[in-house]
């Protein structure tokens, strides 16, 4: 049985696009470093961050919220920089990098499922914000109907992929910050409507710090996916600048959300935007958050497509999973996600945290010059990888399961997720190392090692990797492909391209 290849631009698949989800990004498609900070800035232009700041201020006070946000800035800047740096250096997204980081060809699909479910949860938040904004202006339609409409209206916008509405991504960033400034000015003119805790206590600060710990993984992984499009020669300044700018804006929005909540008594930006700005606020929420929804739906649909093709062998396209994403966002939004914001964020952050900790461990080991898993480069080609890296998969699933159980044992809205998140941050790497030391599993992620000319070593430049002499012709489809994205099937140099190799039937006996 054949399965649909992952999305690649050169092979004519129905869902073909230019995202290079699991293959390497060629030099001709990469972008200059100056574009990266702008893309990073767009990653946090969501009113969700305002709701996060308002919820933290309501529970812990503004001073504690500011300190926790600064803590998130430090952790997030370091984590985002490391992942995006390696994304640019390997020219791969986080799913492709996970293969060579110990998960294997099929094992990395577990990460995709966690990734997709997290995007669906964030899509549900945005559905709730848009629906409650409309409901605050016109209360006649029931909320469930507004949830459904706000979930389904995004589907046609993301039907044709990134290029169709790229203009919306760029146009709404200045519009978002203009609206934020106006909203803040309007809120400062209002009397204080609610009470927030005063002072800083160590227990409150510890629990508040769990919030950025649950948000940093999704930001780091998203920025790592953006990083694969950054030219290697520009990453020295573009990656840290983009990560720092993104996290600085995140801190600013958390603080603004805390101040507005203290003034209005509401943690829901959909409600207080309409209350303070009227129809202008309604339009501002709808337009700017549709852009955020595009990212949520697109990320979820791509992850589900690759997960289903790789692990379940389903030949469904991205558009089928786009519809499922909309349905999932609608169903999740019915469960008062805004009222349980910290609980949901902590719950969805646990598996991504475990995944991120394993990735960071692999990156640091490689940067230190020590071979890990049998390779000094990050291998992503199926033919050279073992199907499943069981130590990494078991470590991620086991730790995530325990941490999720601990999160669900607490009262929703209590934000008491610090211990589960700390387990997810620090336990998976030593657990995977211990499993390998037992000897039950392979100590290398490589099934076979490619020749020296077929590797993309970390020190290679984009120009050298994509030189004309580095091209070969695929024996299956006849397309030109680069050696780093091809599999050598004969000593003479005969090769199979990445997409054709991915489309082969799965190995038996797994």
Protein backbone atom coordinates (compact mmCIF):
# COMPACT_ATOMS: atom_id res chain seq x y z
CA UNK A 1 0.00 0.00 0.00
CA UNK A 2 1.39 3.39 -0.96
CA UNK A 3 0.92 6.52 1.05
CA UNK A 4 0.91 10.10 -0.04
CA UNK A 5 4.29 11.77 0.19
CA UNK A 6 4.81 14.67 2.54
CA UNK A 7 4.27 18.11 1.08
CA UNK A 8 7.06 19.06 -1.26
CA UNK A 9 7.01 21.64 -3.98
CA UNK A 10 8.50 19.68 -6.86
CA UNK A 11 6.49 16.48 -7.02
CA UNK A 12 3.00 17.49 -8.08
CA UNK A 13 1.04 16.21 -5.12
CA UNK A 14 -2.47 17.58 -4.66
CA UNK A 15 -1.41 19.38 -1.48
CA UNK A 16 1.91 20.51 -2.86
CA UNK A 17 3.12 23.81 -1.53
CA UNK A 18 6.30 25.56 -0.49
CA UNK A 19 6.45 24.79 3.23
CA UNK A 20 9.04 21.93 3.14
CA UNK A 21 7.46 20.41 6.23
CA UNK A 22 9.79 17.39 6.48
CA UNK A 23 12.38 17.95 3.75
CA UNK A 24 15.21 20.47 3.68
CA UNK A 25 14.62 24.03 2.52
CA UNK A 26 16.80 24.74 -0.55
CA UNK A 27 18.96 27.85 -0.63
CA UNK A 28 16.89 29.46 -3.39
CA UNK A 29 13.81 29.40 -1.14
CA UNK A 30 15.48 30.76 1.99
CA UNK A 31 14.93 34.33 3.11
CA UNK A 32 17.35 37.00 4.36
CA UNK A 33 17.78 37.34 8.10
CA UNK A 34 16.01 40.71 8.27
CA UNK A 35 12.68 38.97 7.62
CA UNK A 36 12.99 36.68 10.62
CA UNK A 37 12.35 39.25 13.41
CA UNK A 38 9.17 40.34 11.61
CA UNK A 39 7.95 36.74 11.35
CA UNK A 40 8.82 36.17 15.00
CA UNK A 41 6.93 39.30 16.02
CA UNK A 42 3.84 38.04 14.21
CA UNK A 43 3.90 34.84 16.29
CA UNK A 44 2.69 36.65 19.42
CA UNK A 45 0.15 39.08 17.96
CA UNK A 46 -2.74 37.32 19.66
CA UNK A 47 -5.21 38.56 22.26
CA UNK A 48 -4.64 35.19 23.93
CA UNK A 49 -1.56 36.73 25.55
CA UNK A 50 -3.74 39.51 27.01
CA UNK A 51 -6.08 36.92 28.49
CA UNK A 52 -3.05 35.12 29.90
CA UNK A 53 -1.82 38.30 31.60
CA UNK A 54 -5.29 39.09 32.92
CA UNK A 55 -5.74 35.60 34.36
CA UNK A 56 -2.32 35.73 36.04
CA UNK A 57 -3.03 39.17 37.52
CA UNK A 58 -6.40 38.04 38.87
CA UNK A 59 -4.83 35.08 40.64
CA UNK A 60 -1.42 36.43 41.71
CA UNK A 61 -1.38 40.21 41.29
CA UNK A 62 0.27 42.51 38.77
CA UNK A 63 3.70 42.56 40.45
CA UNK A 64 3.93 38.76 40.50
CA UNK A 65 2.69 38.65 36.91
CA UNK A 66 5.45 41.02 35.76
CA UNK A 67 8.19 38.99 37.50
CA UNK A 68 6.86 35.71 36.05
CA UNK A 69 6.69 37.31 32.59
CA UNK A 70 10.33 38.44 32.83
CA UNK A 71 11.26 34.89 33.84
CA UNK A 72 9.41 33.69 30.73
CA UNK A 73 11.37 36.20 28.63
CA UNK A 74 14.71 34.75 29.75
CA UNK A 75 13.72 31.09 29.34
CA UNK A 76 11.87 31.75 26.09
CA UNK A 77 14.64 33.78 24.46
CA UNK A 78 17.23 31.08 25.16
CA UNK A 79 14.98 28.20 24.13
CA UNK A 80 13.65 29.89 20.98
CA UNK A 81 17.15 30.95 19.92
CA UNK A 82 18.58 27.43 20.26
CA UNK A 83 15.76 25.75 18.31
CA UNK A 84 15.62 28.40 15.57
CA UNK A 85 19.44 28.38 15.30
CA UNK A 86 19.42 24.67 14.56
CA UNK A 87 16.41 25.06 12.28
CA UNK A 88 18.41 27.50 10.16
CA UNK A 89 21.58 25.40 10.34
CA UNK A 90 19.87 22.17 9.29
CA UNK A 91 17.34 23.86 6.96
CA UNK A 92 14.67 21.64 8.55
CA UNK A 93 11.55 22.07 10.67
CA UNK A 94 11.19 20.60 14.13
CA UNK A 95 9.48 17.42 12.89
CA UNK A 96 12.32 16.59 10.51
CA UNK A 97 14.93 17.42 13.15
CA UNK A 98 13.15 15.14 15.64
CA UNK A 99 13.77 12.13 13.41
CA UNK A 100 17.54 12.36 13.79
CA UNK A 101 17.27 13.52 17.41
CA UNK A 102 16.45 9.97 18.45
CA UNK A 103 12.75 9.52 17.58
CA UNK A 104 13.26 7.82 14.21
CA UNK A 105 11.11 7.99 11.08
CA UNK A 106 7.86 6.72 12.60
CA UNK A 107 8.57 7.67 16.21
CA UNK A 108 8.58 11.38 15.43
CA UNK A 109 4.93 11.07 14.39
CA UNK A 110 4.02 10.97 18.10
CA UNK A 111 5.29 14.54 18.35
CA UNK A 112 3.12 15.57 15.43
CA UNK A 113 -0.03 14.41 17.19
CA UNK A 114 0.82 16.46 20.29
CA UNK A 115 1.67 19.43 18.04
CA UNK A 116 -1.65 19.21 16.18
CA UNK A 117 -3.75 18.89 19.34
CA UNK A 118 -2.03 21.95 20.80
CA UNK A 119 -2.80 24.01 17.69
CA UNK A 120 -6.43 22.90 17.93
CA UNK A 121 -6.58 24.01 21.58
CA UNK A 122 -5.22 27.45 20.66
CA UNK A 123 -7.67 27.62 17.77
CA UNK A 124 -10.45 27.02 20.31
CA UNK A 125 -9.21 29.99 22.35
CA UNK A 126 -9.37 32.24 19.30
CA UNK A 127 -12.85 30.95 18.41
CA UNK A 128 -13.96 31.89 21.91
CA UNK A 129 -12.48 35.39 21.71
CA UNK A 130 -14.12 36.12 18.36
CA UNK A 131 -17.47 34.62 19.39
CA UNK A 132 -17.63 36.47 22.70
CA UNK A 133 -16.69 39.74 20.96
CA UNK A 134 -19.66 39.34 18.59
CA UNK A 135 -21.89 38.28 21.49
CA UNK A 136 -20.86 41.35 23.49
CA UNK A 137 -22.16 43.53 20.64
CA UNK A 138 -25.19 41.45 19.62
CA UNK A 139 -26.40 39.14 22.34
CA UNK A 140 -29.26 37.52 20.37
CA UNK A 141 -27.31 34.67 18.70
CA UNK A 142 -26.46 31.84 21.15
CA UNK A 143 -22.79 31.45 21.95
CA UNK A 144 -22.60 27.88 20.61
CA UNK A 145 -23.70 29.13 17.19
CA UNK A 146 -21.08 31.88 17.24
CA UNK A 147 -18.44 29.32 18.22
CA UNK A 148 -19.43 27.20 15.22
CA UNK A 149 -19.36 30.10 12.77
CA UNK A 150 -16.04 31.44 14.06
CA UNK A 151 -14.55 27.93 13.77
CA UNK A 152 -15.78 27.24 10.23
CA UNK A 153 -15.14 30.67 8.69
CA UNK A 154 -11.38 30.07 8.92
CA UNK A 155 -11.49 26.93 6.77
CA UNK A 156 -11.86 28.64 3.35
CA UNK A 157 -9.15 31.16 4.28
CA UNK A 158 -6.60 28.38 4.75
CA UNK A 159 -7.87 26.16 1.93
CA UNK A 160 -5.10 27.05 -0.53
CA UNK A 161 -2.16 27.34 1.82
CA UNK A 162 0.25 30.07 2.84
CA UNK A 163 0.65 32.10 -0.34
CA UNK A 164 -3.05 32.85 -0.78
CA UNK A 165 -3.38 35.13 2.24
CA UNK A 166 0.22 36.05 2.99
CA UNK A 167 -0.82 39.69 2.70
CA UNK A 168 -3.09 39.24 5.73
CA UNK A 169 -0.11 38.16 7.85
CA UNK A 170 1.79 41.35 7.10
CA UNK A 171 -1.08 43.82 7.02
CA UNK A 172 -2.51 42.92 10.42
CA UNK A 173 0.71 43.28 12.47
CA UNK A 174 0.68 47.13 12.50
CA UNK A 175 -3.11 47.08 12.82
CA UNK A 176 -2.78 44.87 15.88
CA UNK A 177 -0.38 47.19 17.71
CA UNK A 178 -2.37 50.30 16.80
CA UNK A 179 -5.42 48.63 18.36
CA UNK A 180 -3.41 47.62 21.45
CA UNK A 181 -2.29 51.23 22.02
CA UNK A 182 -5.83 52.55 21.61
CA UNK A 183 -7.23 49.84 23.88
CA UNK A 184 -4.71 50.61 26.61
CA UNK A 185 -5.43 54.35 26.47
CA UNK A 186 -9.17 53.72 26.70
CA UNK A 187 -8.76 51.34 29.62
CA UNK A 188 -6.59 53.79 31.61
CA UNK A 189 -9.46 56.24 31.48
CA UNK A 190 -11.72 53.77 33.26
CA UNK A 191 -11.99 53.45 37.05
CA UNK A 192 -10.53 50.32 38.63
CA UNK A 193 -13.33 47.77 38.36
CA UNK A 194 -11.85 44.80 40.17
CA UNK A 195 -9.41 43.89 42.87
CA UNK A 196 -6.15 42.06 42.27
CA UNK A 197 -3.79 40.62 44.88
CA UNK A 198 -1.11 42.99 46.16
CA UNK A 199 2.46 42.03 46.97
CA UNK A 200 4.67 39.12 45.98
CA UNK A 201 4.89 35.80 47.79
CA UNK A 202 7.16 32.89 46.93
CA UNK A 203 4.35 30.29 46.52
CA UNK A 204 2.39 32.63 44.25
CA UNK A 205 5.51 33.41 42.20
CA UNK A 206 6.33 29.71 41.83
CA UNK A 207 2.84 28.90 40.56
CA UNK A 208 2.76 31.94 38.28
CA UNK A 209 6.08 30.86 36.74
CA UNK A 210 4.40 27.68 35.52
CA UNK A 211 2.43 29.74 33.00
CA UNK A 212 5.41 30.86 30.87
CA UNK A 213 6.92 27.37 31.22
CA UNK A 214 3.79 25.98 29.52
CA UNK A 215 3.84 28.61 26.74
CA UNK A 216 7.56 28.60 25.86
CA UNK A 217 7.49 25.15 24.14
CA UNK A 218 4.90 26.08 21.50
CA UNK A 219 6.71 29.38 20.83
CA UNK A 220 10.10 27.63 20.57
CA UNK A 221 8.83 24.93 18.22
CA UNK A 222 6.97 27.46 16.06
CA UNK A 223 10.05 29.68 15.84
CA UNK A 224 12.14 26.62 14.98
CA UNK A 225 9.83 25.99 12.04
CA UNK A 226 10.25 29.62 10.94
CA UNK A 227 14.02 29.33 11.40
CA UNK A 228 14.44 26.76 8.63
CA UNK A 229 13.84 29.54 6.08
CA UNK A 230 16.64 31.78 7.48
CA UNK A 231 19.93 31.82 5.56
CA UNK A 232 22.70 30.18 7.53
CA UNK A 233 25.04 33.14 7.18
CA UNK A 234 22.43 35.44 8.78
CA UNK A 235 21.46 33.32 11.75
CA UNK A 236 24.15 34.69 14.08
CA UNK A 237 22.25 37.96 14.47
CA UNK A 238 18.79 37.25 13.04
CA UNK A 239 17.88 34.32 15.29
CA UNK A 240 18.70 35.86 18.70
CA UNK A 241 17.26 39.22 17.59
CA UNK A 242 14.01 37.59 16.46
CA UNK A 243 13.69 35.47 19.61
CA UNK A 244 14.38 38.41 21.94
CA UNK A 245 11.94 40.68 20.08
CA UNK A 246 9.20 38.05 20.15
CA UNK A 247 9.58 37.37 23.87
CA UNK A 248 9.83 41.09 24.69
CA UNK A 249 6.52 41.69 22.91
CA UNK A 250 5.08 38.70 24.74
CA UNK A 251 6.07 40.25 28.09
CA UNK A 252 4.63 43.61 27.04
CA UNK A 253 1.32 42.04 26.05
CA UNK A 254 1.12 40.06 29.32
CA UNK A 255 1.58 43.27 31.30
CA UNK A 256 -0.94 45.18 29.16
CA UNK A 257 -3.45 42.37 29.63
CA UNK A 258 -2.92 42.49 33.40
CA UNK A 259 -3.48 46.27 33.52
CA UNK A 260 -6.62 46.14 31.37
CA UNK A 261 -8.08 43.34 33.49
CA UNK A 262 -7.43 45.36 36.66
CA UNK A 263 -9.34 48.28 35.08
CA UNK A 264 -12.23 46.40 33.49
CA UNK A 265 -12.59 43.39 35.78
CA UNK A 266 -12.68 41.06 32.76
CA UNK A 267 -10.02 38.63 31.53
CA UNK A 268 -11.68 38.15 28.12
CA UNK A 269 -10.23 40.48 25.44
CA UNK A 270 -13.21 39.74 23.20
CA UNK A 271 -15.53 41.28 25.78
CA UNK A 272 -13.55 44.30 26.94
CA UNK A 273 -12.38 45.25 23.43
CA UNK A 274 -16.01 45.75 22.40
CA UNK A 275 -16.87 47.38 25.73
CA UNK A 276 -14.08 49.96 25.37
CA UNK A 277 -13.95 50.50 21.59
CA UNK A 278 -17.42 49.51 20.37
CA UNK A 279 -17.73 48.33 16.77
CA UNK A 280 -14.10 49.31 16.14
CA UNK A 281 -13.04 46.88 18.85
CA UNK A 282 -15.19 44.14 17.35
CA UNK A 283 -13.66 44.58 13.90
CA UNK A 284 -10.18 44.76 15.42
CA UNK A 285 -10.63 41.44 17.23
CA UNK A 286 -12.09 39.68 14.20
CA UNK A 287 -9.52 40.85 11.64
CA UNK A 288 -6.39 40.42 13.76
CA UNK A 289 -7.41 37.09 15.26
CA UNK A 290 -8.37 35.58 11.91
CA UNK A 291 -4.69 35.94 11.06
CA UNK A 292 -3.78 34.03 14.21
CA UNK A 293 -6.38 31.41 13.34
CA UNK A 294 -4.76 30.92 9.98
CA UNK A 295 -1.51 29.91 11.71
CA UNK A 296 -3.38 27.61 14.13
CA UNK A 297 -5.39 25.83 11.43
CA UNK A 298 -2.51 25.56 9.01
CA UNK A 299 -0.14 24.18 11.66
CA UNK A 300 -2.69 21.64 12.85
CA UNK A 301 -3.69 20.45 9.37
CA UNK A 302 -0.08 19.98 8.20
CA UNK A 303 0.85 18.10 11.38
CA UNK A 304 -2.20 15.82 11.15
CA UNK A 305 -1.55 15.17 7.46
CA UNK A 306 2.01 14.02 8.09
CA UNK A 307 1.00 12.05 11.20
CA UNK A 308 -1.75 10.15 9.39
CA UNK A 309 0.33 9.44 6.29
CA UNK A 310 3.37 8.26 8.24
CA UNK A 311 1.84 6.29 11.10
CA UNK A 312 -1.74 5.46 10.09
CA UNK A 313 -1.10 5.18 6.33
CA UNK A 314 -4.14 7.30 5.54
CA UNK A 315 -3.94 8.99 2.11
CA UNK A 316 -6.01 11.99 3.20
CA UNK A 317 -4.89 15.46 2.12
CA UNK A 318 -4.37 18.56 4.23
CA UNK A 319 -7.81 19.92 3.43
CA UNK A 320 -9.58 16.98 5.05
CA UNK A 321 -7.68 17.65 8.27
CA UNK A 322 -8.42 21.34 7.90
CA UNK A 323 -12.10 20.53 8.31
CA UNK A 324 -11.36 18.27 11.26
CA UNK A 325 -9.35 21.08 12.85
CA UNK A 326 -12.34 23.41 12.57
CA UNK A 327 -14.64 20.81 14.10
CA UNK A 328 -12.17 20.14 16.92
CA UNK A 329 -11.78 23.85 17.67
CA UNK A 330 -15.57 24.21 17.88
CA UNK A 331 -15.97 21.27 20.25
CA UNK A 332 -13.14 22.39 22.55
CA UNK A 333 -14.47 25.96 22.68
CA UNK A 334 -17.72 24.63 24.20
CA UNK A 335 -15.86 23.77 27.43
CA UNK A 336 -15.23 27.34 28.67
CA UNK A 337 -11.56 27.38 27.73
CA UNK A 338 -11.20 31.06 28.68
CA UNK A 339 -12.43 30.40 32.21
CA UNK A 340 -9.94 27.51 32.50
CA UNK A 341 -7.16 29.19 30.54
CA UNK A 342 -4.21 28.31 32.79
CA UNK A 343 -5.39 24.73 33.18
CA UNK A 344 -5.75 24.17 29.43
CA UNK A 345 -2.43 25.88 28.65
CA UNK A 346 -0.64 23.73 31.22
CA UNK A 347 -2.32 20.57 29.98
CA UNK A 348 -1.39 21.16 26.33
CA UNK A 349 2.09 22.40 27.23
CA UNK A 350 3.18 19.16 28.93
CA UNK A 351 3.80 16.90 25.87
CA UNK A 352 5.40 19.74 23.89
CA UNK A 353 7.66 20.45 26.86
CA UNK A 354 8.83 16.82 26.95
CA UNK A 355 9.46 16.93 23.19
CA UNK A 356 11.34 20.22 23.44
CA UNK A 357 13.56 19.00 26.30
CA UNK A 358 14.68 16.01 24.21
CA UNK A 359 15.38 18.25 21.21
CA UNK A 360 17.39 20.75 23.25
CA UNK A 361 19.44 17.94 24.78
CA UNK A 362 20.32 16.63 21.34
CA UNK A 363 21.20 20.10 20.05
CA UNK A 364 23.49 20.86 22.98
CA UNK A 365 25.26 17.49 22.63
CA UNK A 366 25.92 18.11 18.95
CA UNK A 367 27.07 21.68 19.57
CA UNK A 368 29.55 20.38 22.11
CA UNK A 369 31.21 18.28 19.44
CA UNK A 370 30.19 14.95 20.94
CA UNK A 371 28.59 12.32 18.78
CA UNK A 372 25.14 11.34 19.97
CA UNK A 373 23.03 8.56 18.49
CA UNK A 374 25.81 7.71 16.04
CA UNK A 375 25.87 10.93 14.03
CA UNK A 376 27.28 14.46 14.25
CA UNK A 377 24.71 15.78 11.74
CA UNK A 378 20.91 15.73 11.95
CA UNK A 379 19.63 12.94 9.70
CA UNK A 380 16.06 13.13 8.38
CA UNK A 381 15.94 10.68 5.46
CA UNK A 382 13.82 7.62 6.07
CA UNK A 383 16.16 5.11 4.42
CA UNK A 384 19.02 5.99 6.79
CA UNK A 385 16.96 6.00 10.01
CA UNK A 386 15.59 3.30 12.26
CA UNK A 387 11.76 3.24 12.23
CA UNK A 388 11.28 4.04 15.92
CA UNK A 389 13.71 5.38 18.51
CA UNK A 390 12.02 3.67 21.44
CA UNK A 391 13.99 5.33 24.29
CA UNK A 392 12.96 8.83 23.18
CA UNK A 393 9.37 7.79 22.39
CA UNK A 394 8.96 5.94 25.70
CA UNK A 395 10.53 8.81 27.65
CA UNK A 396 8.24 11.39 26.07
CA UNK A 397 5.04 9.35 26.35
CA UNK A 398 5.73 8.11 29.90
CA UNK A 399 6.70 11.48 31.36
CA UNK A 400 3.88 13.27 29.52
CA UNK A 401 1.33 10.76 30.79
CA UNK A 402 2.44 11.16 34.40
CA UNK A 403 2.58 14.95 34.12
CA UNK A 404 -0.86 15.16 32.47
CA UNK A 405 -2.30 12.97 35.22
CA UNK A 406 -0.87 15.36 37.81
CA UNK A 407 -2.31 18.37 35.98
CA UNK A 408 -5.79 16.87 35.73
CA UNK A 409 -5.72 15.98 39.43
CA UNK A 410 -5.84 19.68 40.30
CA UNK A 411 -8.86 21.96 40.25
CA UNK A 412 -9.24 23.67 36.85
CA UNK A 413 -8.12 27.28 37.02
CA UNK A 414 -5.78 26.73 39.98
CA UNK A 415 -2.65 27.15 37.81
CA UNK A 416 -0.99 24.52 40.00
CA UNK A 417 0.92 22.96 37.10
CA UNK A 418 4.49 23.78 38.13
CA UNK A 419 5.55 20.29 39.27
CA UNK A 420 4.18 18.48 36.16
CA UNK A 421 5.86 20.99 33.87
CA UNK A 422 9.18 20.72 35.70
CA UNK A 423 8.99 16.94 35.28
CA UNK A 424 8.37 17.39 31.55
CA UNK A 425 11.27 19.85 31.26
CA UNK A 426 13.92 17.81 33.07
CA UNK A 427 12.99 14.11 33.22
CA UNK A 428 12.76 12.87 29.56
CA UNK A 429 16.47 13.25 28.59
CA UNK A 430 17.93 11.26 31.54
CA UNK A 431 15.17 8.66 31.18
CA UNK A 432 15.99 8.16 27.47
CA UNK A 433 19.70 7.96 28.33
CA UNK A 434 19.01 5.33 31.01
CA UNK A 435 16.94 3.22 28.60
CA UNK A 436 19.77 3.20 26.08
CA UNK A 437 22.27 2.17 28.74
CA UNK A 438 20.21 -0.91 29.60
CA UNK A 439 21.02 -2.35 26.20
CA UNK A 440 17.49 -3.26 25.16
CA UNK A 441 17.48 -0.66 22.39
CA UNK A 442 19.83 0.49 19.67
CA UNK A 443 22.40 3.07 20.73
CA UNK A 444 22.22 4.80 17.36
CA UNK A 445 19.35 6.33 15.44
CA UNK A 446 20.96 5.37 12.12
CA UNK A 447 19.91 2.22 10.29
CA UNK A 448 22.80 2.77 7.91
CA UNK A 449 25.21 5.65 7.46
CA UNK A 450 25.20 7.71 4.24
CA UNK A 451 28.44 8.39 2.40
CA UNK A 452 30.40 11.55 3.15
CA UNK A 453 29.16 13.24 -0.05
CA UNK A 454 25.53 12.55 0.92
CA UNK A 455 25.60 14.33 4.27
CA UNK A 456 24.75 17.93 5.10
CA UNK A 457 27.27 18.63 7.84
CA UNK A 458 26.59 21.49 10.29
CA UNK A 459 29.51 23.56 8.94
CA UNK A 460 28.24 23.56 5.35
CA UNK A 461 27.06 26.82 3.81
CA UNK A 462 23.77 27.18 1.94
CA UNK A 463 25.66 27.92 -1.26
CA UNK A 464 27.81 24.76 -1.02
CA UNK A 465 24.87 22.53 -0.13
CA UNK A 466 22.84 23.75 -3.11
CA UNK A 467 25.65 23.85 -5.67
CA UNK A 468 24.86 22.39 -9.09
CA UNK A 469 27.45 19.65 -8.67
CA UNK A 470 25.54 18.46 -5.62
CA UNK A 471 22.47 17.53 -7.68
CA UNK A 472 21.41 14.04 -8.71
CA UNK A 473 18.47 12.65 -10.71
CA UNK A 474 15.85 10.52 -8.97
CA UNK A 475 15.50 7.10 -10.62
CA UNK A 476 11.80 6.95 -9.69
CA UNK A 477 10.35 10.31 -10.76
CA UNK A 478 13.19 11.72 -12.88
CA UNK A 479 13.35 14.99 -10.93
CA UNK A 480 16.57 16.76 -10.01
CA UNK A 481 17.24 16.65 -6.28
CA UNK A 482 20.08 17.61 -3.96
CA UNK A 483 22.22 14.92 -2.37
CA UNK A 484 21.29 15.99 1.16
CA UNK A 485 17.62 15.25 0.35
CA UNK A 486 18.28 12.04 -1.61
CA UNK A 487 19.05 8.41 -0.79
CA UNK A 488 21.96 6.67 -2.51
CA UNK A 489 20.73 3.27 -3.68
CA UNK A 490 23.82 2.21 -5.67
CA UNK A 491 27.57 2.93 -5.34
CA UNK A 492 27.54 4.39 -8.85
CA UNK A 493 25.52 7.35 -7.52
CA UNK A 494 22.03 6.21 -8.45
CA UNK A 495 19.61 7.92 -6.07
CA UNK A 496 15.99 8.20 -5.01
CA UNK A 497 14.62 11.62 -4.04
CA UNK A 498 13.21 12.41 -0.62
CA UNK A 499 9.54 12.41 -1.66
CA UNK A 500 9.74 9.10 -3.49
CA UNK A 501 11.59 7.51 -0.58
CA UNK A 502 8.91 8.73 1.85
CA UNK A 503 6.17 7.27 -0.35
CA UNK A 504 7.50 3.71 -0.13
CA UNK A 505 5.34 1.20 1.84
CA UNK A 506 6.20 1.02 5.54
CA UNK A 507 8.70 -1.53 6.77
CA UNK A 508 7.23 -4.77 8.06
CA UNK A 509 7.61 -6.21 11.51
CA UNK A 510 7.43 -3.00 13.56
